[in-house]
N, C-alpha and C. Protein backbone atom coordinates (compact mmCIF):
# COMPACT_ATOMS: atom_id res chain seq x y z
N MET A 1 94.96 164.20 97.66
CA MET A 1 95.41 162.12 97.72
C MET A 1 95.57 162.04 98.91
N PRO A 2 95.77 162.63 100.75
CA PRO A 2 95.29 161.85 101.91
C PRO A 2 94.44 162.16 101.63
N ASP A 3 93.72 162.35 100.90
CA ASP A 3 91.68 161.27 102.02
C ASP A 3 91.79 160.40 100.94
N THR A 4 91.91 160.28 100.11
CA THR A 4 91.67 158.68 99.09
C THR A 4 92.62 156.56 100.05
N LYS A 5 93.86 157.94 100.35
CA LYS A 5 94.32 156.97 101.42
C LYS A 5 93.54 156.60 102.57
N SER A 6 93.51 158.04 103.18
CA SER A 6 92.72 157.31 104.46
C SER A 6 91.19 156.74 104.01
N THR A 7 90.80 156.52 102.84
CA THR A 7 89.67 156.33 103.18
C THR A 7 89.82 155.15 102.32
N PHE A 8 90.69 155.01 101.13
CA PHE A 8 91.91 153.13 101.50
C PHE A 8 92.44 152.69 102.83
N GLU A 9 92.43 153.31 103.88
CA GLU A 9 93.11 152.73 104.80
C GLU A 9 91.98 152.13 106.10
N ILE A 10 91.01 152.85 105.58
CA ILE A 10 89.73 152.88 106.86
C ILE A 10 88.83 151.71 106.51
N ILE A 11 88.59 151.44 104.63
CA ILE A 11 87.75 150.33 104.38
C ILE A 11 88.92 148.95 104.43
N ALA A 12 89.87 149.34 104.26
CA ALA A 12 90.62 148.20 104.42
C ALA A 12 91.06 147.70 106.32
N THR A 13 90.89 148.20 107.16
CA THR A 13 90.94 147.90 108.84
C THR A 13 89.51 147.59 109.08
N THR A 14 88.78 148.19 108.13
CA THR A 14 87.67 147.16 108.29
C THR A 14 86.89 146.17 107.89
N VAL A 15 87.82 145.81 106.57
CA VAL A 15 87.67 144.43 105.98
C VAL A 15 88.51 143.57 106.53
N GLN A 16 89.75 143.84 107.39
CA GLN A 16 90.36 142.61 108.43
C GLN A 16 89.60 143.04 109.59
N THR A 17 88.55 143.61 110.18
CA THR A 17 88.32 143.35 111.08
C THR A 17 86.87 142.03 110.88
N LEU A 18 86.10 143.34 109.78
CA LEU A 18 84.92 142.16 109.50
C LEU A 18 85.60 140.08 108.95
N SER A 19 86.57 141.01 108.80
CA SER A 19 86.97 138.86 108.12
C SER A 19 87.51 138.68 110.09
N ILE A 20 87.89 139.29 111.09
CA ILE A 20 88.76 138.00 112.51
C ILE A 20 87.24 138.15 113.11
N VAL A 21 86.49 138.98 112.87
CA VAL A 21 85.15 138.28 113.87
C VAL A 21 83.98 136.92 112.92
N ALA A 22 84.43 137.25 111.92
CA ALA A 22 83.85 136.21 111.14
C ALA A 22 83.80 135.38 111.71
N GLY A 23 85.66 134.73 111.20
CA GLY A 23 86.45 134.36 111.42
C GLY A 23 86.47 133.84 113.18
N ILE A 24 85.78 134.41 114.21
CA ILE A 24 85.61 134.42 115.05
C ILE A 24 84.60 133.60 115.59
N VAL A 25 83.02 133.53 114.90
CA VAL A 25 82.42 133.27 114.60
C VAL A 25 82.19 131.85 114.23
N ILE A 26 82.91 132.27 112.81
CA ILE A 26 82.61 130.55 112.80
C ILE A 26 83.42 129.62 113.68
N SER A 27 84.86 130.20 114.80
CA SER A 27 85.09 129.31 115.24
C SER A 27 83.87 128.57 116.02
N ILE A 28 83.34 129.72 116.80
CA ILE A 28 82.42 129.76 118.06
C ILE A 28 81.39 128.46 117.43
N MET A 29 80.41 129.17 116.20
CA MET A 29 79.76 127.53 115.61
C MET A 29 80.19 126.07 115.43
N SER A 30 81.47 126.41 114.50
CA SER A 30 82.46 124.71 114.78
C SER A 30 82.32 124.23 116.05
N PHE A 31 83.01 125.18 116.63
CA PHE A 31 82.72 124.18 118.46
C PHE A 31 81.80 124.05 118.88
N ASN A 32 80.51 125.10 118.44
CA ASN A 32 79.32 124.18 119.30
C ASN A 32 78.71 123.45 118.34
N ALA A 33 79.07 123.18 117.32
CA ALA A 33 78.49 121.78 116.88
C ALA A 33 79.02 121.09 116.86
N ALA A 34 80.37 121.14 116.88
CA ALA A 34 81.35 119.73 117.24
C ALA A 34 80.83 118.90 118.99
N GLN A 35 80.75 119.99 119.83
CA GLN A 35 80.40 119.76 121.54
C GLN A 35 78.38 119.12 121.02
N ARG A 36 77.86 119.56 120.44
CA ARG A 36 76.68 119.05 120.58
C ARG A 36 76.63 117.87 120.23
N LYS A 37 77.58 117.44 118.58
CA LYS A 37 77.99 115.96 118.26
C LYS A 37 78.53 114.90 119.31
N GLU A 38 79.26 115.51 119.99
CA GLU A 38 79.70 114.20 121.43
C GLU A 38 78.77 114.70 122.67
N ALA A 39 77.93 115.70 122.22
CA ALA A 39 76.72 115.14 124.03
C ALA A 39 76.15 114.04 123.27
N GLU A 40 75.06 114.13 121.84
CA GLU A 40 74.77 112.87 120.73
C GLU A 40 75.26 112.21 121.38
N ALA A 41 76.79 111.74 120.50
CA ALA A 41 77.36 110.64 120.61
C ALA A 41 77.14 110.41 122.19
N ARG A 42 77.63 110.54 123.92
CA ARG A 42 77.59 110.42 125.09
C ARG A 42 75.97 109.89 125.19
N GLU A 43 74.54 110.97 124.99
CA GLU A 43 73.39 110.34 125.43
C GLU A 43 73.49 108.85 124.27
N LEU A 44 73.73 108.53 122.79
CA LEU A 44 73.90 107.04 122.99
C LEU A 44 73.96 106.16 123.47
N GLU A 45 75.34 105.63 123.42
CA GLU A 45 75.97 105.23 124.68
C GLU A 45 75.57 104.89 126.07
N THR A 46 75.23 106.23 126.75
CA THR A 46 74.62 106.05 127.98
C THR A 46 73.27 105.29 127.49
N ALA A 47 72.46 105.54 126.34
CA ALA A 47 71.12 104.38 126.53
C ALA A 47 71.59 102.99 125.97
N LYS A 48 72.67 102.87 125.61
CA LYS A 48 73.01 101.32 124.73
C LYS A 48 72.50 100.66 125.32
N PRO A 49 72.26 100.07 126.60
CA PRO A 49 71.78 99.30 126.88
C PRO A 49 70.21 99.03 127.58
N PHE A 50 70.00 100.10 126.79
CA PHE A 50 68.68 100.18 127.11
C PHE A 50 67.66 99.00 125.41
N TYR A 51 68.92 99.98 124.61
CA TYR A 51 68.85 100.03 123.04
C TYR A 51 69.11 97.94 123.19
N THR A 52 69.63 97.88 123.20
CA THR A 52 70.95 96.46 123.26
C THR A 52 68.92 95.27 123.80
N LEU A 53 69.05 95.60 125.31
CA LEU A 53 67.65 94.87 125.84
C LEU A 53 66.30 94.77 125.01
N ARG A 54 65.81 96.17 124.57
CA ARG A 54 65.28 95.79 123.50
C ARG A 54 65.24 95.69 122.20
N GLN A 55 65.99 95.00 121.87
CA GLN A 55 66.95 95.00 119.90
C GLN A 55 66.30 93.51 120.83
N ASN A 56 67.16 92.40 122.39
CA ASN A 56 67.10 91.28 122.30
C ASN A 56 65.47 90.73 122.39
N LEU A 57 64.71 91.88 122.76
CA LEU A 57 63.35 91.72 123.17
C LEU A 57 62.74 91.38 122.01
N TYR A 58 62.53 92.52 121.08
CA TYR A 58 61.44 92.21 120.37
C TYR A 58 62.21 90.88 119.19
N ALA A 59 63.48 90.42 119.14
CA ALA A 59 63.59 89.10 118.77
C ALA A 59 63.41 87.70 119.02
N GLU A 60 63.15 88.16 121.07
CA GLU A 60 62.32 86.99 120.72
C GLU A 60 60.70 87.19 121.06
N ALA A 61 59.80 88.20 120.80
CA ALA A 61 58.16 88.22 120.32
C ALA A 61 58.25 88.26 119.24
N VAL A 62 58.83 88.27 118.17
CA VAL A 62 58.94 87.66 116.68
C VAL A 62 58.76 86.30 117.11
N LYS A 63 60.27 85.51 117.48
CA LYS A 63 60.03 84.38 117.52
C LYS A 63 58.73 83.44 118.26
N SER A 64 58.61 84.12 119.42
CA SER A 64 57.14 83.44 120.15
C SER A 64 56.04 83.75 118.53
N ALA A 65 55.61 85.12 118.52
CA ALA A 65 54.81 85.65 116.93
C ALA A 65 54.51 84.00 116.17
N GLY A 66 55.72 84.30 115.61
CA GLY A 66 55.76 83.12 114.61
C GLY A 66 55.49 81.49 114.56
N VAL A 67 55.46 81.01 115.75
CA VAL A 67 55.46 80.06 116.56
C VAL A 67 53.56 79.32 116.41
N LEU A 68 53.48 81.21 117.51
CA LEU A 68 51.73 80.76 117.68
C LEU A 68 51.32 81.54 115.96
N SER A 69 51.79 82.08 115.47
CA SER A 69 51.02 82.77 113.82
C SER A 69 50.38 81.37 113.05
N ASN A 70 52.03 80.92 112.91
CA ASN A 70 52.01 79.16 112.47
C ASN A 70 51.82 77.78 113.40
N PRO A 71 50.73 77.95 113.76
CA PRO A 71 50.93 76.46 114.32
C PRO A 71 50.22 74.99 114.12
N GLU A 72 50.11 75.48 112.61
CA GLU A 72 50.58 73.64 111.93
C GLU A 72 51.99 73.46 111.69
N VAL A 73 52.69 74.36 111.87
CA VAL A 73 54.09 73.92 111.29
C VAL A 73 54.35 73.78 113.17
N HIS A 74 54.23 73.76 114.30
CA HIS A 74 54.76 73.36 115.15
C HIS A 74 54.25 72.33 116.51
N THR A 75 55.03 71.53 116.98
CA THR A 75 54.75 71.09 118.10
C THR A 75 53.61 71.64 119.10
N LYS A 76 53.30 70.71 119.55
CA LYS A 76 52.45 71.61 120.73
C LYS A 76 52.77 71.51 121.91
N GLU A 77 53.79 71.51 121.88
CA GLU A 77 55.30 71.74 122.86
C GLU A 77 55.77 72.72 123.19
N GLU A 78 56.00 73.08 121.34
CA GLU A 78 56.56 74.59 121.60
C GLU A 78 55.57 75.59 121.00
N ILE A 79 53.87 75.00 120.43
CA ILE A 79 53.06 76.43 120.87
C ILE A 79 52.73 76.44 122.16
N ALA A 80 53.16 75.49 123.20
CA ALA A 80 52.84 76.07 124.80
C ALA A 80 54.07 77.33 125.17
N LYS A 81 55.47 76.16 124.94
CA LYS A 81 56.18 76.99 125.56
C LYS A 81 56.36 78.22 124.64
N SER A 82 55.37 78.31 123.78
CA SER A 82 55.63 80.38 122.68
C SER A 82 54.91 81.35 123.36
N ARG A 83 53.39 80.15 123.81
CA ARG A 83 51.86 80.84 124.62
C ARG A 83 52.89 81.96 125.52
N ILE A 84 53.56 81.05 126.72
CA ILE A 84 53.91 81.09 127.42
C ILE A 84 55.40 82.12 127.28
N ARG A 85 55.59 82.68 126.81
CA ARG A 85 57.08 82.91 126.72
C ARG A 85 56.30 84.80 125.63
N PHE A 86 55.66 84.76 125.42
CA PHE A 86 54.66 85.86 124.81
C PHE A 86 53.70 86.80 125.90
N ARG A 87 52.99 85.22 126.40
CA ARG A 87 52.30 86.38 127.78
C ARG A 87 53.30 86.76 128.57
N GLU A 88 54.88 86.34 128.97
CA GLU A 88 55.62 86.88 129.61
C GLU A 88 55.98 88.88 128.91
N LEU A 89 56.54 88.94 127.81
CA LEU A 89 57.13 89.49 127.50
C LEU A 89 55.63 90.30 127.61
N TYR A 90 54.02 90.00 127.31
CA TYR A 90 53.39 91.02 126.49
C TYR A 90 53.35 91.98 128.06
N VAL A 91 52.65 91.11 128.80
CA VAL A 91 52.88 91.67 130.61
C VAL A 91 53.53 92.29 130.92
N ALA A 92 55.04 91.81 130.51
CA ALA A 92 55.85 93.02 131.38
C ALA A 92 57.38 92.93 130.88
N GLU A 93 58.45 91.91 130.66
CA GLU A 93 59.32 92.76 130.20
C GLU A 93 59.89 93.22 128.59
N LEU A 94 58.19 92.72 127.81
CA LEU A 94 59.30 93.80 126.19
C LEU A 94 57.84 95.63 126.72
N ALA A 95 57.23 94.91 127.79
CA ALA A 95 56.67 96.24 127.83
C ALA A 95 57.37 97.39 128.11
N MET A 96 58.73 97.10 129.06
CA MET A 96 59.23 97.69 130.34
C MET A 96 59.79 98.20 128.60
N VAL A 97 60.51 97.69 127.70
CA VAL A 97 61.54 98.21 126.68
C VAL A 97 60.33 98.91 125.79
N GLU A 98 58.85 98.73 125.17
CA GLU A 98 58.61 98.99 123.68
C GLU A 98 58.29 99.99 123.33
N ALA A 99 58.89 100.49 122.35
CA ALA A 99 57.85 102.06 121.46
C ALA A 99 56.83 101.70 121.13
N PRO A 100 55.65 102.95 121.23
CA PRO A 100 54.43 103.18 121.42
C PRO A 100 53.73 101.98 120.03
N ALA A 101 54.06 102.55 119.64
CA ALA A 101 54.16 101.37 117.89
C ALA A 101 54.29 100.19 117.92
N VAL A 102 54.86 98.98 118.58
CA VAL A 102 54.92 97.93 118.72
C VAL A 102 53.97 97.93 119.62
N GLU A 103 54.11 98.68 120.72
CA GLU A 103 53.05 98.37 122.18
C GLU A 103 51.90 97.63 120.72
N GLY A 104 51.25 98.89 120.43
CA GLY A 104 50.16 99.13 119.69
C GLY A 104 50.24 97.06 118.85
N GLU A 105 50.84 97.10 118.25
CA GLU A 105 50.82 95.85 117.00
C GLU A 105 50.95 93.81 117.73
N MET A 106 51.96 93.95 119.54
CA MET A 106 51.87 93.53 120.63
C MET A 106 50.09 93.15 120.74
N MET A 107 49.33 94.42 120.63
CA MET A 107 48.06 94.40 121.27
C MET A 107 46.71 93.44 120.19
N ALA A 108 47.66 93.53 118.70
CA ALA A 108 46.38 93.49 117.59
C ALA A 108 47.02 91.85 117.70
N LEU A 109 48.46 91.71 117.49
CA LEU A 109 48.47 89.83 117.77
C LEU A 109 47.54 89.66 118.64
N ALA A 110 48.18 90.03 119.56
CA ALA A 110 47.65 89.53 120.90
C ALA A 110 45.88 89.01 121.21
N SER A 111 45.50 90.02 120.85
CA SER A 111 43.85 89.83 120.63
C SER A 111 42.95 88.27 119.21
N ILE A 112 44.61 88.46 118.38
CA ILE A 112 43.82 87.53 117.46
C ILE A 112 44.12 85.68 118.31
N ILE A 113 45.63 85.97 118.23
CA ILE A 113 46.28 84.87 119.20
C ILE A 113 45.94 84.43 120.26
N ASP A 114 46.09 85.35 121.25
CA ASP A 114 45.67 85.20 122.87
C ASP A 114 44.52 85.33 123.39
N PRO A 115 43.30 86.25 122.45
CA PRO A 115 42.00 87.20 123.23
C PRO A 115 42.42 87.22 124.55
N GLU A 116 42.20 86.24 125.09
CA GLU A 116 42.06 85.92 127.03
C GLU A 116 43.30 87.19 127.34
N LEU A 117 43.81 87.14 126.82
CA LEU A 117 45.31 88.22 127.02
C LEU A 117 45.22 89.52 127.63
N LEU A 118 44.54 89.99 126.98
CA LEU A 118 43.53 91.39 126.71
C LEU A 118 43.05 91.56 127.92
N ASN A 119 42.45 90.82 128.74
CA ASN A 119 42.02 90.82 129.69
C ASN A 119 42.41 90.16 130.83
N MET A 120 42.81 90.85 131.57
CA MET A 120 44.79 90.93 132.10
C MET A 120 43.96 90.83 133.53
N THR A 121 44.41 89.88 134.95
CA THR A 121 44.56 89.46 136.00
C THR A 121 44.53 91.03 137.07
N GLU A 122 44.56 90.51 138.61
CA GLU A 122 45.08 92.73 138.54
C GLU A 122 45.69 92.15 138.46
N ALA A 123 47.00 91.68 138.61
CA ALA A 123 48.59 90.59 138.71
C ALA A 123 49.23 91.15 138.33
N GLN A 124 48.54 90.71 136.53
CA GLN A 124 49.19 90.82 135.29
C GLN A 124 49.04 92.80 134.90
N LYS A 125 48.34 92.79 135.36
CA LYS A 125 47.46 94.31 135.11
C LYS A 125 48.73 95.06 135.85
N ALA A 126 49.24 94.96 137.22
CA ALA A 126 49.99 95.49 137.64
C ALA A 126 51.03 95.36 137.63
N ALA A 127 51.21 94.81 136.15
CA ALA A 127 52.64 94.22 136.70
C ALA A 127 53.23 94.74 135.05
N TYR A 128 51.90 94.92 134.23
CA TYR A 128 51.96 95.51 132.74
C TYR A 128 52.24 97.22 132.77
N ASP A 129 52.02 97.99 134.53
CA ASP A 129 51.70 99.00 134.39
C ASP A 129 52.78 100.03 135.11
N LEU A 130 53.94 99.00 135.65
CA LEU A 130 54.66 98.57 136.21
C LEU A 130 56.15 98.87 135.47
N ALA A 131 55.98 97.05 134.01
CA ALA A 131 57.05 97.82 133.48
C ALA A 131 56.54 98.59 132.65
N HIS A 132 55.43 99.65 131.86
CA HIS A 132 55.67 100.67 131.24
C HIS A 132 55.69 102.24 131.67
N ALA A 133 55.56 102.58 133.51
CA ALA A 133 56.42 103.41 134.68
C ALA A 133 57.90 103.37 134.46
N LEU A 134 58.95 102.22 134.42
CA LEU A 134 59.67 101.43 134.51
C LEU A 134 60.10 102.51 132.42
N ARG A 135 59.62 101.72 131.80
CA ARG A 135 59.98 102.35 130.28
C ARG A 135 59.95 103.39 130.26
N ASN A 136 58.94 104.36 131.03
CA ASN A 136 59.00 105.91 131.34
C ASN A 136 59.72 106.28 131.67
N SER A 137 60.47 105.86 133.23
CA SER A 137 61.64 106.47 133.21
C SER A 137 63.07 106.17 132.79
N PHE A 138 63.22 104.56 131.95
CA PHE A 138 64.12 105.33 131.24
C PHE A 138 64.51 106.01 129.74
N THR A 139 63.55 105.81 129.41
CA THR A 139 63.21 106.80 128.34
C THR A 139 63.47 108.59 128.49
N HIS A 140 62.65 108.54 129.65
CA HIS A 140 62.96 109.64 130.26
C HIS A 140 64.15 110.64 130.94
N SER A 141 64.82 109.19 131.73
CA SER A 141 66.11 109.32 131.85
C SER A 141 67.88 110.02 131.09
N TRP A 142 67.47 108.99 129.71
CA TRP A 142 68.19 108.21 129.18
C TRP A 142 68.10 109.11 127.79
N LYS A 143 66.51 109.95 127.41
CA LYS A 143 66.51 111.36 126.13
C LYS A 143 66.22 109.81 125.38
N ILE A 144 65.82 108.96 125.93
CA ILE A 144 64.86 107.62 124.16
C ILE A 144 63.76 108.80 123.88
N LYS A 145 63.29 108.96 122.29
CA LYS A 145 62.78 109.71 121.51
C LYS A 145 62.25 108.59 120.88
N ASP A 146 60.67 107.82 121.89
CA ASP A 146 59.92 106.76 120.96
C ASP A 146 59.13 107.45 120.10
N LYS A 147 58.82 106.93 119.27
CA LYS A 147 57.64 107.62 118.36
C LYS A 147 56.71 106.30 118.22
């Protein structure tokens, strides 16, 4: 009988040890998951000014696009103001925060409502390039994932 008891004790000790190790592993994994979630929340909070600016400029772009794509229901003054604002957004402000998919759609819209905008002056091209360089800096620094 002593062999049976010692075998039982060995099994019990092994199970106890494995339970402790499993508990430690689960605790470490839970801690790491919580740390990752906190880091993601901090990154999102850090990038919040960028996302807020982007959202505001997107709203302005849509507003200008709405006026320019429906000229028959707007005054000449509204159309002129919207054309100026669309150009400002296209060349600089929006180019600084837009996602690549939005950039493509802005170009497509510009080709329809303001084709000459696609042939930028040197100054416009320089402003456009600067805006994209700033966007790249922001997205890199704040780990923004644009698709």
